Amino acid sequence: MTPLRQRMIDAMVLRGFSPRTQESYTEAIYGMAKHYRRDPAQYSAQEVEAYLLHMINERHLSYSTMNQAACAARFLYEKVLGRERELFPIAMAKVPSKQPELLAREEITRLFASCSHPVHRMLLQTMYASGLRVSEACALQVTDIDSHSDRMCIRVACGKGGHARYTLLGQTLLAQLRAYWRDHHPKTWLFCNHTGTHPVSIESAQRAYQGSRHRARIMKSGGPHTLRHGFATHLLEGGVDLFTIQKLLGHSHISTTGRYLHLISPQFRAPKDVDPLDLLAGLPQL
């Protein structure tokens, strides 16, 4: 490990960056160093900009990927190397926001039914029923499930930006988690890998989602984050207010949550005998 890489990691640890962010930032700077084959501390602002253009024009990467590299570069040069932004500008692309493709409730049911691996299926169901990001679901521990009748919630200890929060634990999800625990007896991590010593990796969860989507013959694009979109939209359709959903999702600004207002289906009518907070109970039966 080079001294500069260690300085960058130390600076991220000091600021409480998540391990995933640390990994993404260091990989982005490593990619730039591999391109120029020189110490990144020696680059000019023009060279950094040329590398970002190279990512778009020659490697045909997305603007989101380029922006992540730009964020890593800004952190390195401003926070670690002390360059002033006015003297060392690093541009970022304005990425147009796109509305996500939502899965219908019947498609979500088919998705779960097509996931044969019990650990992966339970993980995907938990993501939908509680609105978790894939990284948050993979990091869940057994002790994060609070099943007391006057609490009934899931503690998200590893939220985005290092923020902890609480989210929904519906009756149907709790019953399924109890059955899952009786069958698999997880000790520390709720969703373990095949050895039982580490949590399921994010990559494994993503592959499980895509494999289930393919087997269910769902043509809509997107990854496991689609389940989080479904969580927010289906709660809105069930009559849950926007402020509550903002807190459950862990959004800092309500405007981020407000985009789900455009995704509500005017045709949907929630079943009268189903709790709108118990999303799994509202799914149709195959």
C-alpha atoms as a PDB file:
ATOM      1  CA  MET A   1       0.000   0.000   0.000  1.00  0.00           C
ATOM      2  CA  THR A   2       1.431   3.372  -1.031  1.00  0.00           C
ATOM      3  CA  PRO A   3       1.684   6.185   1.548  1.00  0.00           C
ATOM      4  CA  LEU A   4      -0.800   8.279  -0.474  1.00  0.00           C
ATOM      5  CA  ARG A   5      -3.358   5.449  -0.530  1.00  0.00           C
ATOM      6  CA  GLN A   6      -2.979   5.018   3.236  1.00  0.00           C
ATOM      7  CA  ARG A   7      -3.413   8.778   3.771  1.00  0.00           C
ATOM      8  CA  MET A   8      -6.607   8.706   1.711  1.00  0.00           C
ATOM      9  CA  ILE A   9      -7.992   5.724   3.613  1.00  0.00           C
ATOM     10  CA  ASP A  10      -7.124   7.348   6.947  1.00  0.00           C
ATOM     11  CA  ALA A  11      -8.888  10.557   5.876  1.00  0.00           C
ATOM     12  CA  MET A  12     -12.024   8.595   4.927  1.00  0.00           C
ATOM     13  CA  VAL A  13     -11.982   6.622   8.183  1.00  0.00           C
ATOM     14  CA  LEU A  14     -11.609   9.870  10.134  1.00  0.00           C
ATOM     15  CA  ARG A  15     -14.731  11.232   8.427  1.00  0.00           C
ATOM     16  CA  GLY A  16     -16.734   8.070   9.014  1.00  0.00           C
ATOM     17  CA  PHE A  17     -17.030   6.930   5.402  1.00  0.00           C
ATOM     18  CA  SER A  18     -18.588   3.507   5.003  1.00  0.00           C
ATOM     19  CA  PRO A  19     -16.310   0.602   3.969  1.00  0.00           C
ATOM     20  CA  ARG A  20     -18.108   0.437   0.616  1.00  0.00           C
ATOM     21  CA  THR A  21     -17.420   4.135  -0.075  1.00  0.00           C
ATOM     22  CA  GLN A  22     -13.790   3.702   0.936  1.00  0.00           C
ATOM     23  CA  GLU A  23     -13.461   0.779  -1.458  1.00  0.00           C
ATOM     24  CA  SER A  24     -15.159   2.662  -4.320  1.00  0.00           C
ATOM     25  CA  TYR A  25     -12.992   5.763  -3.882  1.00  0.00           C
ATOM     26  CA  THR A  26      -9.709   3.878  -3.651  1.00  0.00           C
ATOM     27  CA  GLU A  27     -10.607   1.754  -6.692  1.00  0.00           C
ATOM     28  CA  ALA A  28     -11.423   4.914  -8.676  1.00  0.00           C
ATOM     29  CA  ILE A  29      -8.047   6.498  -7.860  1.00  0.00           C
ATOM     30  CA  TYR A  30      -6.272   3.204  -8.566  1.00  0.00           C
ATOM     31  CA  GLY A  31      -7.890   3.146 -12.016  1.00  0.00           C
ATOM     32  CA  MET A  32      -6.598   6.634 -12.738  1.00  0.00           C
ATOM     33  CA  ALA A  33      -3.110   5.734 -11.482  1.00  0.00           C
ATOM     34  CA  LYS A  34      -3.115   2.612 -13.663  1.00  0.00           C
ATOM     35  CA  HIS A  35      -4.034   4.777 -16.657  1.00  0.00           C
ATOM     36  CA  TYR A  36      -1.202   7.313 -16.177  1.00  0.00           C
ATOM     37  CA  ARG A  37       1.322   4.991 -14.439  1.00  0.00           C
ATOM     38  CA  ARG A  38       2.408   7.834 -12.161  1.00  0.00           C
ATOM     39  CA  ASP A  39       1.800   8.971  -8.624  1.00  0.00           C
ATOM     40  CA  PRO A  40      -1.669  10.653  -8.560  1.00  0.00           C
ATOM     41  CA  ALA A  41      -0.223  13.461  -6.429  1.00  0.00           C
ATOM     42  CA  GLN A  42       1.655  14.625  -9.539  1.00  0.00           C
ATOM     43  CA  TYR A  43      -1.377  15.036 -11.803  1.00  0.00           C
ATOM     44  CA  SER A  44      -2.653  18.373 -12.993  1.00  0.00           C
ATOM     45  CA  ALA A  45      -6.330  19.282 -13.046  1.00  0.00           C
ATOM     46  CA  GLN A  46      -6.222  18.975 -16.843  1.00  0.00           C
ATOM     47  CA  GLU A  47      -4.933  15.391 -16.585  1.00  0.00           C
ATOM     48  CA  VAL A  48      -7.719  14.445 -14.173  1.00  0.00           C
ATOM     49  CA  GLU A  49     -10.266  15.957 -16.547  1.00  0.00           C
ATOM     50  CA  ALA A  50      -8.725  14.101 -19.492  1.00  0.00           C
ATOM     51  CA  TYR A  51      -9.032  10.811 -17.603  1.00  0.00           C
ATOM     52  CA  LEU A  52     -12.706  11.470 -16.860  1.00  0.00           C
ATOM     53  CA  LEU A  53     -13.286  12.158 -20.561  1.00  0.00           C
ATOM     54  CA  HIS A  54     -11.431   8.932 -21.354  1.00  0.00           C
ATOM     55  CA  MET A  55     -13.912   7.038 -19.166  1.00  0.00           C
ATOM     56  CA  ILE A  56     -16.826   8.378 -21.242  1.00  0.00           C
ATOM     57  CA  ASN A  57     -15.395   8.564 -24.766  1.00  0.00           C
ATOM     58  CA  GLU A  58     -13.142   5.508 -24.919  1.00  0.00           C
ATOM     59  CA  ARG A  59     -14.282   3.150 -22.186  1.00  0.00           C
ATOM     60  CA  HIS A  60     -17.953   4.039 -22.747  1.00  0.00           C
ATOM     61  CA  LEU A  61     -18.750   4.040 -19.050  1.00  0.00           C
ATOM     62  CA  SER A  62     -21.833   5.750 -17.656  1.00  0.00           C
ATOM     63  CA  TYR A  63     -21.872   9.313 -16.389  1.00  0.00           C
ATOM     64  CA  SER A  64     -22.744   7.958 -12.947  1.00  0.00           C
ATOM     65  CA  THR A  65     -19.520   5.924 -12.934  1.00  0.00           C
ATOM     66  CA  MET A  66     -17.573   8.950 -14.108  1.00  0.00           C
ATOM     67  CA  ASN A  67     -19.114  11.109 -11.393  1.00  0.00           C
ATOM     68  CA  GLN A  68     -18.083   8.578  -8.768  1.00  0.00           C
ATOM     69  CA  ALA A  69     -14.482   8.839  -9.997  1.00  0.00           C
ATOM     70  CA  ALA A  70     -14.797  12.630  -9.954  1.00  0.00           C
ATOM     71  CA  CYS A  71     -16.017  12.542  -6.328  1.00  0.00           C
ATOM     72  CA  ALA A  72     -13.065  10.333  -5.392  1.00  0.00           C
ATOM     73  CA  ALA A  73     -10.679  12.713  -7.150  1.00  0.00           C
ATOM     74  CA  ARG A  74     -12.207  15.748  -5.422  1.00  0.00           C
ATOM     75  CA  PHE A  75     -11.760  14.073  -2.056  1.00  0.00           C
ATOM     76  CA  LEU A  76      -8.155  13.131  -2.801  1.00  0.00           C
ATOM     77  CA  TYR A  77      -7.031  16.515  -4.065  1.00  0.00           C
ATOM     78  CA  GLU A  78      -9.061  18.721  -1.729  1.00  0.00           C
ATOM     79  CA  LYS A  79      -9.172  16.819   1.562  1.00  0.00           C
ATOM     80  CA  VAL A  80      -5.970  14.759   1.387  1.00  0.00           C
ATOM     81  CA  LEU A  81      -3.617  16.876  -0.730  1.00  0.00           C
ATOM     82  CA  GLY A  82      -5.047  20.262   0.255  1.00  0.00           C
ATOM     83  CA  ARG A  83      -5.653  21.640  -3.242  1.00  0.00           C
ATOM     84  CA  GLU A  84      -8.194  24.449  -3.418  1.00  0.00           C
ATOM     85  CA  ARG A  85     -11.180  23.726  -5.651  1.00  0.00           C
ATOM     86  CA  GLU A  86     -10.861  27.089  -7.419  1.00  0.00           C
ATOM     87  CA  LEU A  87      -7.255  26.309  -8.395  1.00  0.00           C
ATOM     88  CA  PHE A  88      -7.818  22.570  -9.010  1.00  0.00           C
ATOM     89  CA  PRO A  89     -11.346  22.281 -10.470  1.00  0.00           C
ATOM     90  CA  ILE A  90     -12.771  18.832 -11.184  1.00  0.00           C
ATOM     91  CA  ALA A  91     -15.961  18.864 -13.221  1.00  0.00           C
ATOM     92  CA  MET A  92     -18.925  16.572 -12.653  1.00  0.00           C
ATOM     93  CA  ALA A  93     -21.614  15.688 -15.165  1.00  0.00           C
ATOM     94  CA  LYS A  94     -25.233  16.633 -14.657  1.00  0.00           C
ATOM     95  CA  VAL A  95     -26.966  13.278 -14.917  1.00  0.00           C
ATOM     96  CA  PRO A  96     -30.648  13.437 -15.897  1.00  0.00           C
ATOM     97  CA  SER A  97     -32.853  11.755 -13.338  1.00  0.00           C
ATOM     98  CA  LYS A  98     -34.831   8.788 -14.605  1.00  0.00           C
ATOM     99  CA  GLN A  99     -37.965   7.342 -13.123  1.00  0.00           C
ATOM    100  CA  PRO A 100     -37.391   3.729 -12.046  1.00  0.00           C
ATOM    101  CA  GLU A 101     -39.236   0.845 -13.653  1.00  0.00           C
ATOM    102  CA  LEU A 102     -41.549  -0.498 -10.980  1.00  0.00           C
ATOM    103  CA  LEU A 103     -42.503  -4.133 -10.623  1.00  0.00           C
ATOM    104  CA  ALA A 104     -46.188  -4.928 -10.349  1.00  0.00           C
ATOM    105  CA  ARG A 105     -47.231  -6.805  -7.228  1.00  0.00           C
ATOM    106  CA  GLU A 106     -47.812  -9.926  -9.291  1.00  0.00           C
ATOM    107  CA  GLU A 107     -44.261  -9.630 -10.690  1.00  0.00           C
ATOM    108  CA  ILE A 108     -42.816  -9.304  -7.182  1.00  0.00           C
ATOM    109  CA  THR A 109     -44.689 -12.462  -6.190  1.00  0.00           C
ATOM    110  CA  ARG A 110     -43.246 -14.313  -9.185  1.00  0.00           C
ATOM    111  CA  LEU A 111     -39.777 -12.962  -8.416  1.00  0.00           C
ATOM    112  CA  PHE A 112     -39.835 -14.394  -4.889  1.00  0.00           C
ATOM    113  CA  ALA A 113     -41.281 -17.707  -6.096  1.00  0.00           C
ATOM    114  CA  SER A 114     -38.476 -17.982  -8.665  1.00  0.00           C
ATOM    115  CA  CYS A 115     -35.728 -17.634  -6.038  1.00  0.00           C
ATOM    116  CA  SER A 116     -34.991 -21.201  -4.938  1.00  0.00           C
ATOM    117  CA  HIS A 117     -32.202 -20.359  -2.472  1.00  0.00           C
ATOM    118  CA  PRO A 118     -33.933 -19.874   0.918  1.00  0.00           C
ATOM    119  CA  VAL A 119     -31.385 -17.363   2.262  1.00  0.00           C
ATOM    120  CA  HIS A 120     -31.488 -15.229  -0.867  1.00  0.00           C
ATOM    121  CA  ARG A 121     -35.285 -15.423  -1.056  1.00  0.00           C
ATOM    122  CA  MET A 122     -35.632 -14.262   2.542  1.00  0.00           C
ATOM    123  CA  LEU A 123     -33.166 -11.441   1.908  1.00  0.00           C
ATOM    124  CA  LEU A 124     -35.123 -10.192  -1.129  1.00  0.00           C
ATOM    125  CA  GLN A 125     -38.418 -10.402   0.762  1.00  0.00           C
ATOM    126  CA  THR A 126     -36.914  -8.412   3.641  1.00  0.00           C
ATOM    127  CA  MET A 127     -35.677  -5.745   1.238  1.00  0.00           C
ATOM    128  CA  TYR A 128     -39.163  -5.292  -0.208  1.00  0.00           C
ATOM    129  CA  ALA A 129     -41.094  -5.478   3.060  1.00  0.00           C
ATOM    130  CA  SER A 130     -38.764  -3.044   4.887  1.00  0.00           C
ATOM    131  CA  GLY A 131     -37.427  -0.797   2.116  1.00  0.00           C
ATOM    132  CA  LEU A 132     -33.782  -1.702   2.687  1.00  0.00           C
ATOM    133  CA  ARG A 133     -30.884  -1.017   0.368  1.00  0.00           C
ATOM    134  CA  VAL A 134     -29.054  -4.166  -0.680  1.00  0.00           C
ATOM    135  CA  SER A 135     -26.012  -3.193   1.425  1.00  0.00           C
ATOM    136  CA  GLU A 136     -28.246  -2.638   4.463  1.00  0.00           C
ATOM    137  CA  ALA A 137     -29.991  -5.996   4.054  1.00  0.00           C
ATOM    138  CA  CYS A 138     -26.697  -7.877   3.698  1.00  0.00           C
ATOM    139  CA  ALA A 139     -25.356  -6.212   6.858  1.00  0.00           C
ATOM    140  CA  LEU A 140     -28.352  -7.114   9.049  1.00  0.00           C
ATOM    141  CA  GLN A 141     -27.584  -8.984  12.251  1.00  0.00           C
ATOM    142  CA  VAL A 142     -29.969 -11.212  14.167  1.00  0.00           C
ATOM    143  CA  THR A 143     -30.067  -8.667  16.995  1.00  0.00           C
ATOM    144  CA  ASP A 144     -31.333  -5.971  14.585  1.00  0.00           C
ATOM    145  CA  ILE A 145     -34.759  -7.664  14.522  1.00  0.00           C
ATOM    146  CA  ASP A 146     -36.898  -6.315  17.379  1.00  0.00           C
ATOM    147  CA  SER A 147     -40.020  -8.486  17.540  1.00  0.00           C
ATOM    148  CA  HIS A 148     -41.483  -7.138  20.794  1.00  0.00           C
ATOM    149  CA  SER A 149     -45.147  -6.319  20.288  1.00  0.00           C
ATOM    150  CA  ASP A 150     -44.721  -2.678  21.368  1.00  0.00           C
ATOM    151  CA  ARG A 151     -41.714  -2.156  19.043  1.00  0.00           C
ATOM    152  CA  MET A 152     -41.897  -4.378  15.923  1.00  0.00           C
ATOM    153  CA  CYS A 153     -39.113  -2.822  13.887  1.00  0.00           C
ATOM    154  CA  ILE A 154     -35.802  -3.491  12.156  1.00  0.00           C
ATOM    155  CA  ARG A 155     -32.746  -1.516  13.189  1.00  0.00           C
ATOM    156  CA  VAL A 156     -30.632  -0.412  10.241  1.00  0.00           C
ATOM    157  CA  ALA A 157     -27.207   0.090  11.781  1.00  0.00           C
ATOM    158  CA  CYS A 158     -25.276   0.442   8.503  1.00  0.00           C
ATOM    159  CA  GLY A 159     -27.350   3.001   6.651  1.00  0.00           C
ATOM    160  CA  LYS A 160     -26.120   5.256   3.870  1.00  0.00           C
ATOM    161  CA  GLY A 161     -23.748   7.921   5.121  1.00  0.00           C
ATOM    162  CA  GLY A 162     -23.312   6.078   8.404  1.00  0.00           C
ATOM    163  CA  HIS A 163     -26.809   7.036   9.609  1.00  0.00           C
ATOM    164  CA  ALA A 164     -28.731   4.466  11.657  1.00  0.00           C
ATOM    165  CA  ARG A 165     -32.520   4.308  11.534  1.00  0.00           C
ATOM    166  CA  TYR A 166     -35.495   2.042  12.191  1.00  0.00           C
ATOM    167  CA  THR A 167     -37.840   0.646   9.569  1.00  0.00           C
ATOM    168  CA  LEU A 168     -40.883  -1.610   9.262  1.00  0.00           C
ATOM    169  CA  LEU A 169     -41.242  -5.137  10.531  1.00  0.00           C
ATOM    170  CA  GLY A 170     -44.652  -6.343   9.357  1.00  0.00           C
ATOM    171  CA  GLN A 171     -46.448  -9.320  10.828  1.00  0.00           C
ATOM    172  CA  THR A 172     -46.024 -11.390   7.666  1.00  0.00           C
ATOM    173  CA  LEU A 173     -42.301 -10.655   7.439  1.00  0.00           C
ATOM    174  CA  LEU A 174     -41.844 -11.465  11.132  1.00  0.00           C
ATOM    175  CA  ALA A 175     -43.574 -14.826  10.705  1.00  0.00           C
ATOM    176  CA  GLN A 176     -41.374 -15.657   7.725  1.00  0.00           C
ATOM    177  CA  LEU A 177     -38.205 -14.556   9.543  1.00  0.00           C
ATOM    178  CA  ARG A 178     -39.105 -16.785  12.493  1.00  0.00           C
ATOM    179  CA  ALA A 179     -39.608 -19.770  10.194  1.00  0.00           C
ATOM    180  CA  TYR A 180     -36.326 -18.913   8.462  1.00  0.00           C
ATOM    181  CA  TRP A 181     -34.524 -18.754  11.825  1.00  0.00           C
ATOM    182  CA  ARG A 182     -35.913 -22.145  12.872  1.00  0.00           C
ATOM    183  CA  ASP A 183     -34.613 -23.699   9.636  1.00  0.00           C
ATOM    184  CA  HIS A 184     -31.189 -22.024   9.453  1.00  0.00           C
ATOM    185  CA  HIS A 185     -30.343 -20.811  12.995  1.00  0.00           C
ATOM    186  CA  PRO A 186     -28.221 -17.801  11.978  1.00  0.00           C
ATOM    187  CA  LYS A 187     -26.014 -16.715  14.862  1.00  0.00           C
ATOM    188  CA  THR A 188     -24.570 -13.265  14.128  1.00  0.00           C
ATOM    189  CA  TRP A 189     -25.446 -12.313  10.571  1.00  0.00           C
ATOM    190  CA  LEU A 190     -29.082 -12.720   9.611  1.00  0.00           C
ATOM    191  CA  PHE A 191     -28.181 -13.673   6.042  1.00  0.00           C
ATOM    192  CA  CYS A 192     -24.951 -15.705   6.014  1.00  0.00           C
ATOM    193  CA  ASN A 193     -22.781 -17.053   3.229  1.00  0.00           C
ATOM    194  CA  HIS A 194     -22.414 -20.810   2.738  1.00  0.00           C
ATOM    195  CA  THR A 195     -19.771 -21.051   5.482  1.00  0.00           C
ATOM    196  CA  GLY A 196     -21.933 -19.223   8.020  1.00  0.00           C
ATOM    197  CA  THR A 197     -19.029 -16.986   9.043  1.00  0.00           C
ATOM    198  CA  HIS A 198     -19.685 -13.889   6.932  1.00  0.00           C
ATOM    199  CA  PRO A 199     -22.747 -12.023   5.684  1.00  0.00           C
ATOM    200  CA  VAL A 200     -24.027 -12.613   2.178  1.00  0.00           C
ATOM    201  CA  SER A 201     -22.065 -10.371  -0.178  1.00  0.00           C
ATOM    202  CA  ILE A 202     -23.739  -7.573  -2.088  1.00  0.00           C
ATOM    203  CA  GLU A 203     -22.643  -9.205  -5.338  1.00  0.00           C
ATOM    204  CA  SER A 204     -24.359 -12.476  -4.333  1.00  0.00           C
ATOM    205  CA  ALA A 205     -27.574 -10.617  -3.528  1.00  0.00           C
ATOM    206  CA  GLN A 206     -27.453  -8.822  -6.877  1.00  0.00           C
ATOM    207  CA  ARG A 207     -26.891 -12.098  -8.738  1.00  0.00           C
ATOM    208  CA  ALA A 208     -29.765 -13.685  -6.804  1.00  0.00           C
ATOM    209  CA  TYR A 209     -32.106 -10.869  -7.857  1.00  0.00           C
ATOM    210  CA  GLN A 210     -31.093 -10.957 -11.509  1.00  0.00           C
ATOM    211  CA  GLY A 211     -31.302 -14.755 -11.650  1.00  0.00           C
ATOM    212  CA  SER A 212     -34.773 -14.730 -10.110  1.00  0.00           C
ATOM    213  CA  ARG A 213     -35.880 -11.943 -12.451  1.00  0.00           C
ATOM    214  CA  HIS A 214     -34.692 -13.971 -15.430  1.00  0.00           C
ATOM    215  CA  ARG A 215     -36.404 -17.170 -14.267  1.00  0.00           C
ATOM    216  CA  ALA A 216     -39.623 -15.244 -13.578  1.00  0.00           C
ATOM    217  CA  ARG A 217     -39.432 -13.838 -17.132  1.00  0.00           C
ATOM    218  CA  ILE A 218     -39.643 -10.264 -15.920  1.00  0.00           C
ATOM    219  CA  MET A 219     -38.452  -8.012 -18.735  1.00  0.00           C
ATOM    220  CA  LYS A 220     -38.206  -4.772 -16.749  1.00  0.00           C
ATOM    221  CA  SER A 221     -34.686  -3.555 -16.098  1.00  0.00           C
ATOM    222  CA  GLY A 222     -33.102  -2.691 -12.765  1.00  0.00           C
ATOM    223  CA  GLY A 223     -31.493  -4.469  -9.855  1.00  0.00           C
ATOM    224  CA  PRO A 224     -32.473  -5.240  -6.267  1.00  0.00           C
ATOM    225  CA  HIS A 225     -32.953  -1.516  -5.590  1.00  0.00           C
ATOM    226  CA  THR A 226     -36.200  -1.940  -7.548  1.00  0.00           C
ATOM    227  CA  LEU A 227     -37.643  -3.616  -4.448  1.00  0.00           C
ATOM    228  CA  ARG A 228     -36.954  -0.464  -2.423  1.00  0.00           C
ATOM    229  CA  HIS A 229     -38.758   1.588  -5.069  1.00  0.00           C
ATOM    230  CA  GLY A 230     -41.701  -0.790  -4.792  1.00  0.00           C
ATOM    231  CA  PHE A 231     -41.700  -0.443  -0.991  1.00  0.00           C
ATOM    232  CA  ALA A 232     -42.030   3.352  -1.159  1.00  0.00           C
ATOM    233  CA  THR A 233     -44.609   3.432  -3.944  1.00  0.00           C
ATOM    234  CA  HIS A 234     -46.791   0.683  -2.505  1.00  0.00           C
ATOM    235  CA  LEU A 235     -46.836   2.389   0.903  1.00  0.00           C
ATOM    236  CA  LEU A 236     -47.960   5.618  -0.768  1.00  0.00           C
ATOM    237  CA  GLU A 237     -50.701   3.725  -2.613  1.00  0.00           C
ATOM    238  CA  GLY A 238     -51.749   2.255   0.745  1.00  0.00           C
ATOM    239  CA  GLY A 239     -52.247   5.729   2.215  1.00  0.00           C
ATOM    240  CA  VAL A 240     -49.024   6.120   4.242  1.00  0.00           C
ATOM    241  CA  ASP A 241     -47.897   9.765   4.387  1.00  0.00           C
ATOM    242  CA  LEU A 242     -44.750  10.992   2.647  1.00  0.00           C
ATOM    243  CA  PHE A 243     -42.979  12.129   5.842  1.00  0.00           C
ATOM    244  CA  THR A 244     -43.270   8.664   7.396  1.00  0.00           C
ATOM    245  CA  ILE A 245     -41.919   7.030   4.245  1.00  0.00           C
ATOM    246  CA  GLN A 246     -39.015   9.494   4.200  1.00  0.00           C
ATOM    247  CA  LYS A 247     -37.996   8.386   7.693  1.00  0.00           C
ATOM    248  CA  LEU A 248     -38.394   4.696   6.860  1.00  0.00           C
ATOM    249  CA  LEU A 249     -36.202   5.061   3.761  1.00  0.00           C
ATOM    250  CA  GLY A 250     -33.604   7.199   5.539  1.00  0.00           C
ATOM    251  CA  HIS A 251     -33.785  10.085   3.054  1.00  0.00           C
ATOM    252  CA  SER A 252     -32.235  13.353   4.242  1.00  0.00           C
ATOM    253  CA  HIS A 253     -34.579  15.472   2.104  1.00  0.00           C
ATOM    254  CA  ILE A 254     -38.260  14.897   1.540  1.00  0.00           C
ATOM    255  CA  SER A 255     -37.855  15.996  -2.082  1.00  0.00           C
ATOM    256  CA  THR A 256     -35.979  12.724  -2.685  1.00  0.00           C
ATOM    257  CA  THR A 257     -38.972  10.784  -1.398  1.00  0.00           C
ATOM    258  CA  GLY A 258     -41.409  13.002  -3.273  1.00  0.00           C
ATOM    259  CA  ARG A 259     -40.469  11.553  -6.648  1.00  0.00           C
ATOM    260  CA  TYR A 260     -42.469   8.447  -5.759  1.00  0.00           C
ATOM    261  CA  LEU A 261     -45.645  10.516  -5.917  1.00  0.00           C
ATOM    262  CA  HIS A 262     -45.356  10.355  -9.722  1.00  0.00           C
ATOM    263  CA  LEU A 263     -45.300   6.552  -9.673  1.00  0.00           C
ATOM    264  CA  ILE A 264     -48.598   5.959  -7.877  1.00  0.00           C
ATOM    265  CA  SER A 265     -51.099   3.886  -9.836  1.00  0.00           C
ATOM    266  CA  PRO A 266     -54.546   5.542  -9.857  1.00  0.00           C
ATOM    267  CA  GLN A 267     -56.150   2.149 -10.484  1.00  0.00           C
ATOM    268  CA  PHE A 268     -54.835   0.474  -7.345  1.00  0.00           C
ATOM    269  CA  ARG A 269     -57.157  -0.016  -4.386  1.00  0.00           C
ATOM    270  CA  ALA A 270     -55.678  -1.524  -1.220  1.00  0.00           C
ATOM    271  CA  PRO A 271     -57.533  -4.573   0.149  1.00  0.00           C
ATOM    272  CA  LYS A 272     -59.683  -3.553   3.102  1.00  0.00           C
ATOM    273  CA  ASP A 273     -58.540  -6.411   5.330  1.00  0.00           C
ATOM    274  CA  VAL A 274     -54.774  -5.859   4.798  1.00  0.00           C
ATOM    275  CA  ASP A 275     -52.591  -3.551   6.867  1.00  0.00           C
ATOM    276  CA  PRO A 276     -50.998  -1.071   4.395  1.00  0.00           C
ATOM    277  CA  LEU A 277     -47.732  -1.382   6.355  1.00  0.00           C
ATOM    278  CA  ASP A 278     -47.650  -5.156   5.810  1.00  0.00           C
ATOM    279  CA  LEU A 279     -46.573  -5.193   2.186  1.00  0.00           C
ATOM    280  CA  LEU A 280     -45.972  -8.934   1.928  1.00  0.00           C
ATOM    281  CA  ALA A 281     -49.554  -9.594   3.012  1.00  0.00           C
ATOM    282  CA  GLY A 282     -50.763  -7.400   0.151  1.00  0.00           C
ATOM    283  CA  LEU A 283     -49.071  -9.451  -2.557  1.00  0.00           C
ATOM    284  CA  PRO A 284     -51.330 -11.640  -4.694  1.00  0.00           C
ATOM    285  CA  GLN A 285     -51.195 -15.391  -4.382  1.00  0.00           C
ATOM    286  CA  LEU A 286     -49.789 -17.436  -7.256  1.00  0.00           C
END
